[in-house]
Amino acid sequence: MGMLDRYKKKGGFYQLLQLLETSPTAKREQFLTLIAGENPVWEEALRKRILTIARVYSWEGQYLVEIFSRVQPTTLAYALHGNPQEQVDNLLSCLPPISKRKITDLMAEAAPTPAEKGTCVSKMLTEVRGFIGQGIIRLEKVDPELHIPENIEEILNTTSFNIGSAPLTDAAKKDAKPNIVGESDGAPSAGVNQEAEFLKRKVNQLSSEVNALKHENTVLKDKLAQIKKIA
């Protein structure tokens, strides 16, 4: 079983992305190296969507104010502490004067250790992910390259890259004949057969689950009726 297998279901890409984002840099690179060895397409898709604090700081002020006004002032002050003054001034320019003064005062009074600063940066990134999930920050508008399509697992799983084989060269891609539906010799392809079998198994599985739920519902109804009689 490959490392990616558990993440290929719906929602798995986001779970793996969160794991990478909350891992130390060295550990993250180790994970990405393992993923690249298994499927470079997934590795590329994950790497380009990893949320970093530098990426967040590059967003326009109208989006930064939505973030800065929602995180704890101390968290923001510690995360910005030690950054170049010009960058700090530019980032905080999106805030009202009173809010900006509060953050700068906290920064002047604070002396966070590198570990404390790192913790606050991680906390900010976690909160930004939360704002994205709540729709407060819409990546398709703020930073389209970071946007995650709803069906990204399906897109990546059906890519033309074959795991375990070398990717085609540019010349080979030109010479390769497209696999166009209806252009076969009359026999269904192995891929179609496999997909059909998968769907059949899925239907049978869902039918079994529905029947089990019906039975459980019947049992619960009987128990409820008995309780009502006793009451």
C-alpha atoms as a PDB file:
ATOM      1  CA  MET A   1       0.000   0.000   0.000  1.00  0.00           C
ATOM      2  CA  GLY A   2       1.477   3.314  -1.094  1.00  0.00           C
ATOM      3  CA  MET A   3       1.609   6.403   1.066  1.00  0.00           C
ATOM      4  CA  LEU A   4      -0.899   8.188  -1.167  1.00  0.00           C
ATOM      5  CA  ASP A   5      -3.529   5.432  -1.254  1.00  0.00           C
ATOM      6  CA  ARG A   6      -5.228   6.570   1.942  1.00  0.00           C
ATOM      7  CA  TYR A   7      -5.492  10.133   0.615  1.00  0.00           C
ATOM      8  CA  LYS A   8      -6.925   9.413  -2.831  1.00  0.00           C
ATOM      9  CA  LYS A   9     -10.519   9.512  -1.627  1.00  0.00           C
ATOM     10  CA  LYS A  10     -12.523  12.748  -1.540  1.00  0.00           C
ATOM     11  CA  GLY A  11     -11.059  15.162   0.983  1.00  0.00           C
ATOM     12  CA  GLY A  12      -7.772  13.287   1.141  1.00  0.00           C
ATOM     13  CA  PHE A  13      -5.800  15.909  -0.763  1.00  0.00           C
ATOM     14  CA  TYR A  14      -6.776  18.584   1.753  1.00  0.00           C
ATOM     15  CA  GLN A  15      -5.877  16.300   4.694  1.00  0.00           C
ATOM     16  CA  LEU A  16      -2.454  15.614   3.211  1.00  0.00           C
ATOM     17  CA  LEU A  17      -1.957  19.310   2.481  1.00  0.00           C
ATOM     18  CA  GLN A  18      -2.723  20.171   6.114  1.00  0.00           C
ATOM     19  CA  LEU A  19      -0.251  17.515   7.260  1.00  0.00           C
ATOM     20  CA  LEU A  20       2.453  19.083   5.103  1.00  0.00           C
ATOM     21  CA  GLU A  21       1.638  22.634   6.210  1.00  0.00           C
ATOM     22  CA  THR A  22       1.839  21.761   9.911  1.00  0.00           C
ATOM     23  CA  SER A  23       5.088  19.785   9.579  1.00  0.00           C
ATOM     24  CA  PRO A  24       8.536  21.299  10.150  1.00  0.00           C
ATOM     25  CA  THR A  25      10.255  22.306   6.919  1.00  0.00           C
ATOM     26  CA  ALA A  26      12.724  19.399   6.934  1.00  0.00           C
ATOM     27  CA  LYS A  27       9.990  16.847   7.623  1.00  0.00           C
ATOM     28  CA  ARG A  28       7.778  18.409   4.953  1.00  0.00           C
ATOM     29  CA  GLU A  29      10.498  18.011   2.348  1.00  0.00           C
ATOM     30  CA  GLN A  30      10.942  14.380   3.341  1.00  0.00           C
ATOM     31  CA  PHE A  31       7.224  13.793   2.846  1.00  0.00           C
ATOM     32  CA  LEU A  32       7.274  15.542  -0.524  1.00  0.00           C
ATOM     33  CA  THR A  33      10.262  13.484  -1.644  1.00  0.00           C
ATOM     34  CA  LEU A  34       8.399  10.284  -0.783  1.00  0.00           C
ATOM     35  CA  ILE A  35       5.293  11.517  -2.582  1.00  0.00           C
ATOM     36  CA  ALA A  36       7.324  12.498  -5.654  1.00  0.00           C
ATOM     37  CA  GLY A  37       8.772   8.992  -5.818  1.00  0.00           C
ATOM     38  CA  GLU A  38       5.274   7.546  -5.783  1.00  0.00           C
ATOM     39  CA  ASN A  39       3.476  10.068  -7.984  1.00  0.00           C
ATOM     40  CA  PRO A  40       5.140  13.305  -9.186  1.00  0.00           C
ATOM     41  CA  VAL A  41       1.756  14.693 -10.267  1.00  0.00           C
ATOM     42  CA  TRP A  42       0.489  14.667  -6.680  1.00  0.00           C
ATOM     43  CA  GLU A  43       3.757  16.088  -5.398  1.00  0.00           C
ATOM     44  CA  GLU A  44       3.598  19.001  -7.825  1.00  0.00           C
ATOM     45  CA  ALA A  45      -0.061  19.720  -7.025  1.00  0.00           C
ATOM     46  CA  LEU A  46       0.613  19.672  -3.282  1.00  0.00           C
ATOM     47  CA  ARG A  47       3.783  21.728  -3.413  1.00  0.00           C
ATOM     48  CA  LYS A  48       2.164  24.551  -5.391  1.00  0.00           C
ATOM     49  CA  ARG A  49      -0.747  24.777  -2.902  1.00  0.00           C
ATOM     50  CA  ILE A  50       1.161  24.752   0.375  1.00  0.00           C
ATOM     51  CA  LEU A  51       0.151  27.846   2.328  1.00  0.00           C
ATOM     52  CA  THR A  52       3.099  29.776   3.741  1.00  0.00           C
ATOM     53  CA  ILE A  53       3.181  32.962   5.775  1.00  0.00           C
ATOM     54  CA  ALA A  54       5.194  34.665   3.026  1.00  0.00           C
ATOM     55  CA  ARG A  55       2.405  33.817   0.584  1.00  0.00           C
ATOM     56  CA  VAL A  56      -0.214  35.239   2.942  1.00  0.00           C
ATOM     57  CA  TYR A  57       1.817  38.426   3.417  1.00  0.00           C
ATOM     58  CA  SER A  58       1.868  38.884  -0.371  1.00  0.00           C
ATOM     59  CA  TRP A  59      -1.933  39.210  -0.568  1.00  0.00           C
ATOM     60  CA  GLU A  60      -3.642  42.545  -1.109  1.00  0.00           C
ATOM     61  CA  GLY A  61      -4.566  44.694   1.890  1.00  0.00           C
ATOM     62  CA  GLN A  62      -8.311  44.168   1.475  1.00  0.00           C
ATOM     63  CA  TYR A  63      -7.780  40.464   2.209  1.00  0.00           C
ATOM     64  CA  LEU A  64      -5.112  40.928   4.885  1.00  0.00           C
ATOM     65  CA  VAL A  65      -7.423  43.119   6.940  1.00  0.00           C
ATOM     66  CA  GLU A  66      -9.939  40.244   7.034  1.00  0.00           C
ATOM     67  CA  ILE A  67      -7.221  38.040   8.533  1.00  0.00           C
ATOM     68  CA  PHE A  68      -5.453  40.505  10.822  1.00  0.00           C
ATOM     69  CA  SER A  69      -8.706  41.731  12.337  1.00  0.00           C
ATOM     70  CA  ARG A  70      -9.695  38.169  13.279  1.00  0.00           C
ATOM     71  CA  VAL A  71      -6.505  36.704  14.747  1.00  0.00           C
ATOM     72  CA  GLN A  72      -5.440  37.432  18.320  1.00  0.00           C
ATOM     73  CA  PRO A  73      -3.368  40.668  18.462  1.00  0.00           C
ATOM     74  CA  THR A  74      -0.618  38.891  20.397  1.00  0.00           C
ATOM     75  CA  THR A  75      -0.443  36.140  17.786  1.00  0.00           C
ATOM     76  CA  LEU A  76      -0.064  38.702  15.006  1.00  0.00           C
ATOM     77  CA  ALA A  77       2.468  40.757  16.975  1.00  0.00           C
ATOM     78  CA  TYR A  78       4.640  37.711  17.718  1.00  0.00           C
ATOM     79  CA  ALA A  79       4.389  36.478  14.107  1.00  0.00           C
ATOM     80  CA  LEU A  80       5.560  39.865  12.795  1.00  0.00           C
ATOM     81  CA  HIS A  81       8.209  40.406  15.457  1.00  0.00           C
ATOM     82  CA  GLY A  82      11.692  40.668  13.981  1.00  0.00           C
ATOM     83  CA  ASN A  83      10.478  41.182  10.415  1.00  0.00           C
ATOM     84  CA  PRO A  84      11.907  44.136   8.433  1.00  0.00           C
ATOM     85  CA  GLN A  85      10.249  47.365   9.587  1.00  0.00           C
ATOM     86  CA  GLU A  86       9.314  48.300   6.031  1.00  0.00           C
ATOM     87  CA  GLN A  87       7.455  45.022   5.609  1.00  0.00           C
ATOM     88  CA  VAL A  88       5.685  45.419   8.972  1.00  0.00           C
ATOM     89  CA  ASP A  89       4.567  48.959   8.099  1.00  0.00           C
ATOM     90  CA  ASN A  90       3.320  47.820   4.713  1.00  0.00           C
ATOM     91  CA  LEU A  91       1.392  44.871   6.141  1.00  0.00           C
ATOM     92  CA  LEU A  92      -0.215  46.825   8.982  1.00  0.00           C
ATOM     93  CA  SER A  93      -1.204  49.707   6.707  1.00  0.00           C
ATOM     94  CA  CYS A  94      -4.429  47.839   5.956  1.00  0.00           C
ATOM     95  CA  LEU A  95      -5.564  48.194   9.589  1.00  0.00           C
ATOM     96  CA  PRO A  96      -7.295  51.197  11.175  1.00  0.00           C
ATOM     97  CA  PRO A  97      -4.815  53.474  13.062  1.00  0.00           C
ATOM     98  CA  ILE A  98      -5.981  52.313  16.513  1.00  0.00           C
ATOM     99  CA  SER A  99      -5.561  48.615  15.618  1.00  0.00           C
ATOM    100  CA  LYS A 100      -2.199  49.272  14.019  1.00  0.00           C
ATOM    101  CA  ARG A 101      -0.963  51.119  17.121  1.00  0.00           C
ATOM    102  CA  LYS A 102      -2.082  48.228  19.342  1.00  0.00           C
ATOM    103  CA  ILE A 103      -0.055  45.724  17.292  1.00  0.00           C
ATOM    104  CA  THR A 104       3.040  47.927  17.127  1.00  0.00           C
ATOM    105  CA  ASP A 105       2.882  48.542  20.895  1.00  0.00           C
ATOM    106  CA  LEU A 106       2.666  44.782  21.519  1.00  0.00           C
ATOM    107  CA  MET A 107       5.624  44.220  19.202  1.00  0.00           C
ATOM    108  CA  ALA A 108       7.672  46.833  21.060  1.00  0.00           C
ATOM    109  CA  GLU A 109       6.936  45.238  24.428  1.00  0.00           C
ATOM    110  CA  ALA A 110       7.330  41.625  23.304  1.00  0.00           C
ATOM    111  CA  ALA A 111      10.491  39.563  23.062  1.00  0.00           C
ATOM    112  CA  PRO A 112       9.336  36.204  21.685  1.00  0.00           C
ATOM    113  CA  THR A 113      11.809  33.381  21.276  1.00  0.00           C
ATOM    114  CA  PRO A 114      12.220  31.873  17.777  1.00  0.00           C
ATOM    115  CA  ALA A 115      10.078  28.942  18.944  1.00  0.00           C
ATOM    116  CA  GLU A 116       7.302  31.272  20.149  1.00  0.00           C
ATOM    117  CA  LYS A 117       7.415  33.236  16.915  1.00  0.00           C
ATOM    118  CA  GLY A 118       7.263  29.997  14.913  1.00  0.00           C
ATOM    119  CA  THR A 119       4.294  28.793  16.964  1.00  0.00           C
ATOM    120  CA  CYS A 120       2.396  32.023  16.274  1.00  0.00           C
ATOM    121  CA  VAL A 121       3.172  31.824  12.554  1.00  0.00           C
ATOM    122  CA  SER A 122       1.827  28.249  12.492  1.00  0.00           C
ATOM    123  CA  LYS A 123      -1.246  29.347  14.434  1.00  0.00           C
ATOM    124  CA  MET A 124      -1.894  32.136  11.949  1.00  0.00           C
ATOM    125  CA  LEU A 125      -1.640  29.732   9.018  1.00  0.00           C
ATOM    126  CA  THR A 126      -4.049  27.344  10.734  1.00  0.00           C
ATOM    127  CA  GLU A 127      -6.504  30.188  11.273  1.00  0.00           C
ATOM    128  CA  VAL A 128      -6.145  31.342   7.657  1.00  0.00           C
ATOM    129  CA  ARG A 129      -7.007  27.804   6.529  1.00  0.00           C
ATOM    130  CA  GLY A 130     -10.038  28.049   8.773  1.00  0.00           C
ATOM    131  CA  PHE A 131     -11.061  31.362   7.194  1.00  0.00           C
ATOM    132  CA  ILE A 132     -10.706  29.734   3.776  1.00  0.00           C
ATOM    133  CA  GLY A 133     -12.925  26.854   4.872  1.00  0.00           C
ATOM    134  CA  GLN A 134     -15.527  29.308   6.185  1.00  0.00           C
ATOM    135  CA  GLY A 135     -15.527  31.266   2.927  1.00  0.00           C
ATOM    136  CA  ILE A 136     -14.150  34.426   4.564  1.00  0.00           C
ATOM    137  CA  ILE A 137     -11.122  34.134   2.282  1.00  0.00           C
ATOM    138  CA  ARG A 138     -11.908  32.857  -1.224  1.00  0.00           C
ATOM    139  CA  LEU A 139      -8.713  31.622  -2.794  1.00  0.00           C
ATOM    140  CA  GLU A 140     -10.126  31.646  -6.308  1.00  0.00           C
ATOM    141  CA  LYS A 141     -10.174  35.443  -5.968  1.00  0.00           C
ATOM    142  CA  VAL A 142      -7.358  36.074  -3.495  1.00  0.00           C
ATOM    143  CA  ASP A 143      -4.737  33.657  -4.842  1.00  0.00           C
ATOM    144  CA  PRO A 144      -6.060  31.412  -7.653  1.00  0.00           C
ATOM    145  CA  GLU A 145      -2.917  29.240  -7.748  1.00  0.00           C
ATOM    146  CA  LEU A 146      -3.690  28.043  -4.205  1.00  0.00           C
ATOM    147  CA  HIS A 147      -7.328  27.217  -4.979  1.00  0.00           C
ATOM    148  CA  ILE A 148      -8.214  23.537  -4.560  1.00  0.00           C
ATOM    149  CA  PRO A 149     -10.855  22.223  -7.005  1.00  0.00           C
ATOM    150  CA  GLU A 150     -13.614  20.246  -5.311  1.00  0.00           C
ATOM    151  CA  ASN A 151     -12.800  17.129  -7.345  1.00  0.00           C
ATOM    152  CA  ILE A 152      -9.017  17.451  -7.222  1.00  0.00           C
ATOM    153  CA  GLU A 153      -8.499  13.834  -6.127  1.00  0.00           C
ATOM    154  CA  GLU A 154     -10.407  12.619  -9.178  1.00  0.00           C
ATOM    155  CA  ILE A 155      -8.428  14.968 -11.424  1.00  0.00           C
ATOM    156  CA  LEU A 156      -5.099  13.756 -10.052  1.00  0.00           C
ATOM    157  CA  ASN A 157      -6.099  10.089  -9.979  1.00  0.00           C
ATOM    158  CA  THR A 158      -7.136  10.124 -13.631  1.00  0.00           C
ATOM    159  CA  THR A 159      -4.053  11.934 -14.863  1.00  0.00           C
ATOM    160  CA  SER A 160      -2.212  10.493 -17.827  1.00  0.00           C
ATOM    161  CA  PHE A 161       0.863   9.843 -15.678  1.00  0.00           C
ATOM    162  CA  ASN A 162       1.212   6.131 -14.940  1.00  0.00           C
ATOM    163  CA  ILE A 163       2.630   5.301 -11.540  1.00  0.00           C
ATOM    164  CA  GLY A 164       5.655   3.078 -11.819  1.00  0.00           C
ATOM    165  CA  SER A 165       6.537   4.111 -15.362  1.00  0.00           C
ATOM    166  CA  ALA A 166       8.607   6.976 -16.667  1.00  0.00           C
ATOM    167  CA  PRO A 167       6.676  10.000 -17.956  1.00  0.00           C
ATOM    168  CA  LEU A 168       6.543  10.465 -21.696  1.00  0.00           C
ATOM    169  CA  THR A 169       9.077  12.729 -23.314  1.00  0.00           C
ATOM    170  CA  ASP A 170       7.861  15.666 -25.388  1.00  0.00           C
ATOM    171  CA  ALA A 171       8.617  13.767 -28.587  1.00  0.00           C
ATOM    172  CA  ALA A 172       6.760  10.711 -27.356  1.00  0.00           C
ATOM    173  CA  LYS A 173       3.765  12.829 -26.406  1.00  0.00           C
ATOM    174  CA  LYS A 174       3.600  14.190 -29.970  1.00  0.00           C
ATOM    175  CA  ASP A 175       3.801  10.720 -31.475  1.00  0.00           C
ATOM    176  CA  ALA A 176       1.394   9.150 -29.040  1.00  0.00           C
ATOM    177  CA  LYS A 177      -2.063   8.602 -30.493  1.00  0.00           C
ATOM    178  CA  PRO A 178      -4.885   9.964 -28.321  1.00  0.00           C
ATOM    179  CA  ASN A 179      -7.131   7.345 -26.787  1.00  0.00           C
ATOM    180  CA  ILE A 180     -10.410   8.544 -28.294  1.00  0.00           C
ATOM    181  CA  VAL A 181     -13.632   6.866 -27.250  1.00  0.00           C
ATOM    182  CA  GLY A 182     -15.174   4.990 -30.154  1.00  0.00           C
ATOM    183  CA  GLU A 183     -11.850   4.441 -31.906  1.00  0.00           C
ATOM    184  CA  SER A 184     -11.251   0.975 -30.460  1.00  0.00           C
ATOM    185  CA  ASP A 185     -11.444  -2.364 -32.240  1.00  0.00           C
ATOM    186  CA  GLY A 186     -14.864  -3.040 -30.767  1.00  0.00           C
ATOM    187  CA  ALA A 187     -13.715  -4.523 -27.471  1.00  0.00           C
ATOM    188  CA  PRO A 188     -14.055  -2.409 -24.302  1.00  0.00           C
ATOM    189  CA  SER A 189     -10.753  -1.227 -22.847  1.00  0.00           C
ATOM    190  CA  ALA A 190      -9.381  -2.650 -19.610  1.00  0.00           C
ATOM    191  CA  GLY A 191      -9.822   0.740 -17.968  1.00  0.00           C
ATOM    192  CA  VAL A 192     -13.533   0.831 -18.805  1.00  0.00           C
ATOM    193  CA  ASN A 193     -14.012  -2.715 -17.485  1.00  0.00           C
ATOM    194  CA  GLN A 194     -12.224  -1.863 -14.260  1.00  0.00           C
ATOM    195  CA  GLU A 195     -14.293   1.267 -13.780  1.00  0.00           C
ATOM    196  CA  ALA A 196     -17.513  -0.687 -14.403  1.00  0.00           C
ATOM    197  CA  GLU A 197     -16.503  -3.321 -11.867  1.00  0.00           C
ATOM    198  CA  PHE A 198     -15.628  -0.630  -9.355  1.00  0.00           C
ATOM    199  CA  LEU A 199     -19.015   1.025  -9.800  1.00  0.00           C
ATOM    200  CA  LYS A 200     -20.794  -2.319  -9.420  1.00  0.00           C
ATOM    201  CA  ARG A 201     -18.948  -3.017  -6.194  1.00  0.00           C
ATOM    202  CA  LYS A 202     -19.741   0.485  -4.970  1.00  0.00           C
ATOM    203  CA  VAL A 203     -23.452   0.041  -5.716  1.00  0.00           C
ATOM    204  CA  ASN A 204     -23.481  -3.312  -3.901  1.00  0.00           C
ATOM    205  CA  GLN A 205     -21.676  -1.791  -0.947  1.00  0.00           C
ATOM    206  CA  LEU A 206     -24.109   1.118  -0.742  1.00  0.00           C
ATOM    207  CA  SER A 207     -27.084  -1.253  -1.055  1.00  0.00           C
ATOM    208  CA  SER A 208     -25.759  -3.323   1.843  1.00  0.00           C
ATOM    209  CA  GLU A 209     -25.265  -0.200   3.946  1.00  0.00           C
ATOM    210  CA  VAL A 210     -28.806   0.992   3.166  1.00  0.00           C
ATOM    211  CA  ASN A 211     -30.255  -2.387   4.147  1.00  0.00           C
ATOM    212  CA  ALA A 212     -28.248  -2.387   7.363  1.00  0.00           C
ATOM    213  CA  LEU A 213     -29.505   1.101   8.203  1.00  0.00           C
ATOM    214  CA  LYS A 214     -33.093   0.040   7.483  1.00  0.00           C
ATOM    215  CA  HIS A 215     -32.718  -2.909   9.830  1.00  0.00           C
ATOM    216  CA  GLU A 216     -31.177  -0.717  12.522  1.00  0.00           C
ATOM    217  CA  ASN A 217     -33.996   1.802  12.099  1.00  0.00           C
ATOM    218  CA  THR A 218     -36.584  -0.949  12.537  1.00  0.00           C
ATOM    219  CA  VAL A 219     -34.896  -2.193  15.717  1.00  0.00           C
ATOM    220  CA  LEU A 220     -34.756   1.328  17.143  1.00  0.00           C
ATOM    221  CA  LYS A 221     -38.434   1.896  16.343  1.00  0.00           C
ATOM    222  CA  ASP A 222     -39.349  -1.303  18.202  1.00  0.00           C
ATOM    223  CA  LYS A 223     -37.279  -0.245  21.213  1.00  0.00           C
ATOM    224  CA  LEU A 224     -38.890   3.207  21.187  1.00  0.00           C
ATOM    225  CA  ALA A 225     -42.350   1.653  21.084  1.00  0.00           C
ATOM    226  CA  GLN A 226     -41.499  -0.572  24.085  1.00  0.00           C
ATOM    227  CA  ILE A 227     -40.182   2.415  26.036  1.00  0.00           C
ATOM    228  CA  LYS A 228     -43.359   4.363  25.324  1.00  0.00           C
ATOM    229  CA  LYS A 229     -45.469   1.470  26.596  1.00  0.00           C
ATOM    230  CA  ILE A 230     -43.457   1.296  29.830  1.00  0.00           C
ATOM    231  CA  ALA A 231     -43.694   5.060  30.293  1.00  0.00           C
END
